[in-house]
Structure formats: C-alpha cells, structure tokens
Amino acid sequence: MSRSLSKGPYVEERLLMKIAGKKPLDTGVIKTWYRRSQIAPEMVGFTFGVYNGKQHIDVLVTEEMVGHRLGEFSPSRKFIRHGGKMQKELEIKKKEAEINAAKSAKEAVAAPAK
C-alpha cells in the first residue's frame, strides 16, 4: 500500500482529534475502525483498539510503528496451520516427547528425596 510522496502520509483526521491535547496515560483504549490510517508520531504511547472485523484488538503504539498502518497490528484472518495427516503425526510425537521429558524430570526430583 504505497502512497505518492507528493500526497504525504494518510492519517485519519478524526483519530488526531481524539488524541489532541490528551496524555497517553490518562486516556484508555481509543476504539477505531480506521485500519487504513498510518501511525503518526503524535500517536506514540496511546493504546488503540483496532477493529479486525470481529473484535477490537488493543495496539500500544511505539516509535518503531510510526509510518505503518494500524491494520498491520490487528490481523483480520486467523491462521490455523498447514499440513494434514503427516503434520498431525509429528505434533503427536512431539507432545509425547514433552510428556516423557516431564515424567523423567519429576522422577529425578523424587528419587533423591528418599
């Protein structure tokens, strides 16, 4: 989503009006539906509740986020996982290995106590 340099960054004016003259710590979560709005330096420190189509996800704006869009930090699609039967078998083996490691660690702790 590039934007011409002559046009400048797109920051929703209503968001800037909501934070104008306020301190980040005093205000709570500012709910917004403007996912396309870029993050301006004035927004640093504020917490925005960015709507992802289902719920508002809290986004604490930091200096590294300046220039990015609000929607980048509120994913609208849920990733389940890749793979099929083979992937499921690998996950079961991994889970069994973790359980065995936990059992052996528990036995090691209980053995010296005798």
N, C-alpha and C. Protein backbone atom coordinates (compact mmCIF):
# COMPACT_ATOMS: atom_id res chain seq x y z
N MET A 1 0.84 -1.18 0.00
CA MET A 1 0.00 0.00 0.00
C MET A 1 0.89 1.25 0.00
N SER A 2 1.49 1.51 -1.12
CA SER A 2 2.34 2.69 -1.18
C SER A 2 1.49 3.92 -1.46
N ARG A 3 2.05 5.06 -1.16
CA ARG A 3 1.36 6.32 -1.38
C ARG A 3 2.37 7.30 -1.95
N SER A 4 1.93 8.12 -2.87
CA SER A 4 2.79 9.09 -3.50
C SER A 4 3.39 10.03 -2.47
N LEU A 5 4.67 10.34 -2.62
CA LEU A 5 5.33 11.22 -1.67
C LEU A 5 4.76 12.64 -1.72
N SER A 6 4.27 13.03 -2.90
CA SER A 6 3.71 14.38 -3.00
C SER A 6 2.39 14.49 -2.22
N LYS A 7 1.69 13.39 -2.05
CA LYS A 7 0.43 13.42 -1.29
C LYS A 7 0.68 13.40 0.21
N GLY A 8 1.77 12.81 0.63
CA GLY A 8 2.06 12.71 2.05
C GLY A 8 1.37 11.52 2.69
N PRO A 9 1.64 11.28 3.96
CA PRO A 9 1.03 10.13 4.64
C PRO A 9 -0.46 10.37 4.90
N TYR A 10 -1.21 9.27 4.91
CA TYR A 10 -2.65 9.37 5.18
C TYR A 10 -2.89 9.05 6.64
N VAL A 11 -3.27 10.07 7.39
CA VAL A 11 -3.62 9.89 8.79
C VAL A 11 -5.04 10.41 8.96
N GLU A 12 -5.91 9.57 9.47
CA GLU A 12 -7.31 9.96 9.66
C GLU A 12 -7.40 11.13 10.63
N GLU A 13 -8.04 12.20 10.19
CA GLU A 13 -8.14 13.42 11.00
C GLU A 13 -8.92 13.18 12.29
N ARG A 14 -9.91 12.32 12.25
CA ARG A 14 -10.72 12.06 13.44
C ARG A 14 -9.90 11.41 14.55
N LEU A 15 -8.93 10.58 14.15
CA LEU A 15 -8.05 9.97 15.16
C LEU A 15 -7.19 11.04 15.83
N LEU A 16 -6.66 11.95 15.02
CA LEU A 16 -5.84 13.01 15.58
C LEU A 16 -6.66 13.92 16.49
N MET A 17 -7.93 14.12 16.16
CA MET A 17 -8.80 14.94 17.00
C MET A 17 -9.06 14.24 18.35
N LYS A 18 -9.16 12.92 18.32
CA LYS A 18 -9.41 12.17 19.56
C LYS A 18 -8.24 12.24 20.53
N ILE A 19 -7.00 12.35 19.99
CA ILE A 19 -5.83 12.36 20.86
C ILE A 19 -5.29 13.77 21.10
N ALA A 20 -5.86 14.77 20.45
CA ALA A 20 -5.35 16.14 20.56
C ALA A 20 -5.49 16.65 22.00
N GLY A 21 -4.38 17.12 22.55
CA GLY A 21 -4.38 17.70 23.88
C GLY A 21 -4.52 16.72 25.02
N LYS A 22 -4.40 15.44 24.76
CA LYS A 22 -4.53 14.43 25.80
C LYS A 22 -3.20 13.75 26.05
N LYS A 23 -3.06 13.20 27.24
CA LYS A 23 -1.85 12.46 27.58
C LYS A 23 -2.12 10.97 27.40
N PRO A 24 -1.11 10.21 26.94
CA PRO A 24 -1.31 8.77 26.70
C PRO A 24 -1.74 7.99 27.93
N LEU A 25 -1.23 8.36 29.10
CA LEU A 25 -1.55 7.59 30.30
C LEU A 25 -2.96 7.88 30.81
N ASP A 26 -3.46 9.09 30.55
CA ASP A 26 -4.79 9.47 31.04
C ASP A 26 -5.91 8.82 30.24
N THR A 27 -5.70 8.66 28.95
CA THR A 27 -6.75 8.09 28.11
C THR A 27 -6.65 6.57 28.15
N GLY A 28 -7.78 5.94 28.03
CA GLY A 28 -7.81 4.48 28.00
C GLY A 28 -7.59 4.01 26.57
N VAL A 29 -8.30 2.98 26.20
CA VAL A 29 -8.22 2.44 24.85
C VAL A 29 -9.12 3.29 23.95
N ILE A 30 -8.54 3.75 22.84
CA ILE A 30 -9.30 4.54 21.87
C ILE A 30 -9.75 3.59 20.78
N LYS A 31 -11.04 3.31 20.73
CA LYS A 31 -11.56 2.39 19.73
C LYS A 31 -11.59 3.05 18.35
N THR A 32 -11.19 2.30 17.34
CA THR A 32 -11.18 2.83 15.99
C THR A 32 -11.45 1.73 14.97
N TRP A 33 -12.02 2.16 13.86
CA TRP A 33 -12.27 1.28 12.73
C TRP A 33 -11.39 1.67 11.56
N TYR A 34 -10.50 2.66 11.75
CA TYR A 34 -9.66 3.18 10.67
C TYR A 34 -8.38 2.37 10.56
N ARG A 35 -8.48 1.18 9.99
CA ARG A 35 -7.32 0.32 9.82
C ARG A 35 -6.34 0.88 8.79
N ARG A 36 -6.84 1.68 7.85
CA ARG A 36 -6.02 2.19 6.76
C ARG A 36 -5.18 3.40 7.16
N SER A 37 -5.43 3.95 8.31
CA SER A 37 -4.73 5.15 8.76
C SER A 37 -3.30 4.81 9.16
N GLN A 38 -2.38 5.66 8.72
CA GLN A 38 -0.98 5.48 9.11
C GLN A 38 -0.76 5.99 10.52
N ILE A 39 0.26 5.47 11.16
CA ILE A 39 0.58 5.87 12.52
C ILE A 39 1.49 7.09 12.46
N ALA A 40 1.07 8.16 13.11
CA ALA A 40 1.83 9.41 13.14
C ALA A 40 2.65 9.48 14.43
N PRO A 41 3.69 10.30 14.46
CA PRO A 41 4.49 10.43 15.68
C PRO A 41 3.69 10.91 16.89
N GLU A 42 2.60 11.65 16.66
CA GLU A 42 1.78 12.13 17.76
C GLU A 42 1.05 11.00 18.48
N MET A 43 0.93 9.84 17.83
CA MET A 43 0.17 8.71 18.37
C MET A 43 1.00 7.83 19.30
N VAL A 44 2.29 8.07 19.39
CA VAL A 44 3.18 7.22 20.19
C VAL A 44 2.76 7.28 21.65
N GLY A 45 2.59 6.11 22.24
CA GLY A 45 2.22 5.99 23.65
C GLY A 45 0.75 5.72 23.87
N PHE A 46 -0.09 6.02 22.89
CA PHE A 46 -1.52 5.78 23.02
C PHE A 46 -1.84 4.32 22.71
N THR A 47 -2.94 3.83 23.28
CA THR A 47 -3.42 2.49 23.00
C THR A 47 -4.68 2.59 22.17
N PHE A 48 -4.67 1.96 21.01
CA PHE A 48 -5.81 1.98 20.11
C PHE A 48 -6.44 0.59 20.07
N GLY A 49 -7.75 0.56 20.08
CA GLY A 49 -8.48 -0.69 19.90
C GLY A 49 -8.85 -0.78 18.43
N VAL A 50 -8.05 -1.49 17.65
CA VAL A 50 -8.23 -1.57 16.20
C VAL A 50 -9.17 -2.73 15.88
N TYR A 51 -10.22 -2.43 15.14
CA TYR A 51 -11.24 -3.43 14.82
C TYR A 51 -10.75 -4.34 13.71
N ASN A 52 -10.87 -5.66 13.91
CA ASN A 52 -10.40 -6.60 12.90
C ASN A 52 -11.55 -7.30 12.18
N GLY A 53 -12.76 -6.82 12.35
CA GLY A 53 -13.91 -7.42 11.71
C GLY A 53 -14.75 -8.22 12.68
N LYS A 54 -14.18 -8.53 13.83
CA LYS A 54 -14.90 -9.30 14.85
C LYS A 54 -14.81 -8.64 16.21
N GLN A 55 -13.64 -8.12 16.54
CA GLN A 55 -13.43 -7.53 17.86
C GLN A 55 -12.35 -6.45 17.75
N HIS A 56 -12.23 -5.66 18.79
CA HIS A 56 -11.18 -4.64 18.86
C HIS A 56 -9.96 -5.24 19.52
N ILE A 57 -8.82 -5.14 18.85
CA ILE A 57 -7.57 -5.66 19.39
C ILE A 57 -6.74 -4.48 19.85
N ASP A 58 -6.28 -4.51 21.11
CA ASP A 58 -5.51 -3.41 21.67
C ASP A 58 -4.12 -3.36 21.06
N VAL A 59 -3.75 -2.16 20.58
CA VAL A 59 -2.44 -1.94 19.98
C VAL A 59 -1.80 -0.76 20.69
N LEU A 60 -0.69 -1.01 21.40
CA LEU A 60 0.07 0.05 22.04
C LEU A 60 1.08 0.57 21.03
N VAL A 61 0.97 1.82 20.65
CA VAL A 61 1.81 2.40 19.60
C VAL A 61 3.18 2.75 20.17
N THR A 62 4.23 2.27 19.51
CA THR A 62 5.61 2.59 19.88
C THR A 62 6.26 3.35 18.74
N GLU A 63 7.48 3.82 18.95
CA GLU A 63 8.18 4.61 17.94
C GLU A 63 8.49 3.81 16.69
N GLU A 64 8.70 2.51 16.82
CA GLU A 64 9.03 1.68 15.67
C GLU A 64 7.84 1.53 14.71
N MET A 65 6.63 1.78 15.20
CA MET A 65 5.42 1.61 14.40
C MET A 65 5.10 2.82 13.53
N VAL A 66 5.78 3.94 13.74
CA VAL A 66 5.47 5.16 13.01
C VAL A 66 5.69 4.91 11.52
N GLY A 67 4.69 5.27 10.71
CA GLY A 67 4.76 5.07 9.27
C GLY A 67 4.01 3.84 8.80
N HIS A 68 3.75 2.90 9.71
CA HIS A 68 2.99 1.71 9.36
C HIS A 68 1.49 2.00 9.49
N ARG A 69 0.67 1.08 9.05
CA ARG A 69 -0.78 1.22 9.14
C ARG A 69 -1.27 0.56 10.42
N LEU A 70 -2.37 1.06 10.96
CA LEU A 70 -2.94 0.46 12.17
C LEU A 70 -3.38 -0.98 11.93
N GLY A 71 -3.88 -1.26 10.75
CA GLY A 71 -4.37 -2.60 10.43
C GLY A 71 -3.31 -3.67 10.41
N GLU A 72 -2.04 -3.27 10.28
CA GLU A 72 -0.96 -4.25 10.26
C GLU A 72 -0.81 -4.95 11.61
N PHE A 73 -1.26 -4.31 12.67
CA PHE A 73 -1.07 -4.85 14.01
C PHE A 73 -2.34 -5.47 14.57
N SER A 74 -3.36 -5.60 13.74
CA SER A 74 -4.62 -6.22 14.13
C SER A 74 -5.03 -7.19 13.02
N PRO A 75 -4.51 -8.42 13.04
CA PRO A 75 -4.78 -9.35 11.94
C PRO A 75 -6.27 -9.67 11.83
N SER A 76 -6.75 -9.67 10.59
CA SER A 76 -8.17 -9.92 10.35
C SER A 76 -8.45 -11.36 9.95
N ARG A 77 -7.40 -12.12 9.69
CA ARG A 77 -7.58 -13.52 9.31
C ARG A 77 -6.89 -14.40 10.34
N LYS A 78 -7.52 -15.52 10.67
CA LYS A 78 -6.98 -16.44 11.66
C LYS A 78 -6.25 -17.57 10.95
N PHE A 79 -4.95 -17.72 11.22
CA PHE A 79 -4.16 -18.80 10.65
C PHE A 79 -4.34 -20.04 11.51
N ILE A 80 -4.77 -21.11 10.90
CA ILE A 80 -4.96 -22.35 11.65
C ILE A 80 -3.66 -23.15 11.62
N ARG A 81 -3.29 -23.71 10.50
CA ARG A 81 -2.00 -24.36 10.33
C ARG A 81 -1.96 -25.03 8.97
N HIS A 82 -0.74 -25.34 8.54
CA HIS A 82 -0.55 -26.08 7.30
C HIS A 82 -0.40 -27.56 7.66
N GLY A 83 -0.48 -28.38 6.64
CA GLY A 83 -0.22 -29.79 6.85
C GLY A 83 -1.50 -30.59 7.01
N GLY A 84 -1.36 -31.88 6.90
CA GLY A 84 -2.50 -32.76 7.02
C GLY A 84 -2.19 -33.87 8.01
N LYS A 85 -2.33 -35.10 7.54
CA LYS A 85 -2.14 -36.26 8.40
C LYS A 85 -0.70 -36.37 8.91
N MET A 86 0.25 -36.12 8.03
CA MET A 86 1.66 -36.23 8.42
C MET A 86 2.01 -35.18 9.48
N GLN A 87 1.53 -33.97 9.31
CA GLN A 87 1.80 -32.91 10.29
C GLN A 87 1.19 -33.26 11.64
N LYS A 88 0.00 -33.85 11.63
CA LYS A 88 -0.67 -34.22 12.87
C LYS A 88 0.13 -35.29 13.60
N GLU A 89 0.69 -36.25 12.87
CA GLU A 89 1.50 -37.30 13.48
C GLU A 89 2.76 -36.71 14.12
N LEU A 90 3.38 -35.74 13.45
CA LEU A 90 4.57 -35.11 14.00
C LEU A 90 4.25 -34.36 15.30
N GLU A 91 3.10 -33.70 15.33
CA GLU A 91 2.70 -32.97 16.53
C GLU A 91 2.41 -33.91 17.68
N ILE A 92 1.82 -35.07 17.40
CA ILE A 92 1.53 -36.06 18.45
C ILE A 92 2.84 -36.59 19.02
N LYS A 93 3.81 -36.89 18.16
CA LYS A 93 5.11 -37.38 18.63
C LYS A 93 5.81 -36.33 19.49
N LYS A 94 5.73 -35.08 19.10
CA LYS A 94 6.35 -34.00 19.85
C LYS A 94 5.71 -33.86 21.23
N LYS A 95 4.39 -33.98 21.27
CA LYS A 95 3.67 -33.87 22.54
C LYS A 95 4.03 -35.03 23.47
N GLU A 96 4.14 -36.26 22.90
CA GLU A 96 4.53 -37.42 23.70
C GLU A 96 5.93 -37.26 24.26
N ALA A 97 6.85 -36.71 23.46
CA ALA A 97 8.22 -36.49 23.92
C ALA A 97 8.25 -35.49 25.08
N GLU A 98 7.43 -34.45 25.00
CA GLU A 98 7.37 -33.47 26.09
C GLU A 98 6.82 -34.11 27.37
N ILE A 99 5.82 -34.97 27.24
CA ILE A 99 5.24 -35.64 28.40
C ILE A 99 6.27 -36.57 29.04
N ASN A 100 6.99 -37.33 28.22
CA ASN A 100 8.02 -38.23 28.74
C ASN A 100 9.14 -37.46 29.44
N ALA A 101 9.52 -36.32 28.87
CA ALA A 101 10.57 -35.50 29.49
C ALA A 101 10.11 -34.97 30.84
N ALA A 102 8.86 -34.58 30.92
CA ALA A 102 8.32 -34.07 32.19
C ALA A 102 8.26 -35.18 33.23
N LYS A 103 7.87 -36.40 32.82
CA LYS A 103 7.82 -37.52 33.75
C LYS A 103 9.20 -37.88 34.27
N SER A 104 10.20 -37.89 33.37
CA SER A 104 11.55 -38.24 33.80
C SER A 104 12.12 -37.17 34.73
N ALA A 105 11.80 -35.92 34.48
CA ALA A 105 12.27 -34.84 35.37
C ALA A 105 11.60 -34.96 36.73
N LYS A 106 10.34 -35.33 36.76
CA LYS A 106 9.62 -35.49 38.01
C LYS A 106 10.20 -36.65 38.81
N GLU A 107 10.53 -37.76 38.13
CA GLU A 107 11.12 -38.92 38.81
C GLU A 107 12.51 -38.59 39.34
N ALA A 108 13.26 -37.80 38.59
CA ALA A 108 14.62 -37.42 39.01
C ALA A 108 14.56 -36.56 40.29
N VAL A 109 13.57 -35.73 40.39
CA VAL A 109 13.43 -34.89 41.58
C VAL A 109 12.95 -35.72 42.76
N ALA A 110 12.08 -36.70 42.52
CA ALA A 110 11.54 -37.51 43.61
C ALA A 110 12.56 -38.55 44.11
N ALA A 111 13.47 -39.04 43.28
CA ALA A 111 14.43 -40.08 43.66
C ALA A 111 15.41 -39.64 44.75
N PRO A 112 16.04 -38.47 44.69
CA PRO A 112 16.99 -38.08 45.74
C PRO A 112 16.30 -37.81 47.09
N ALA A 113 15.03 -37.58 47.10
CA ALA A 113 14.32 -37.29 48.34
C ALA A 113 14.22 -38.52 49.24
N LYS A 114 14.40 -39.72 48.72
CA LYS A 114 14.26 -40.93 49.53
C LYS A 114 15.36 -41.15 50.47
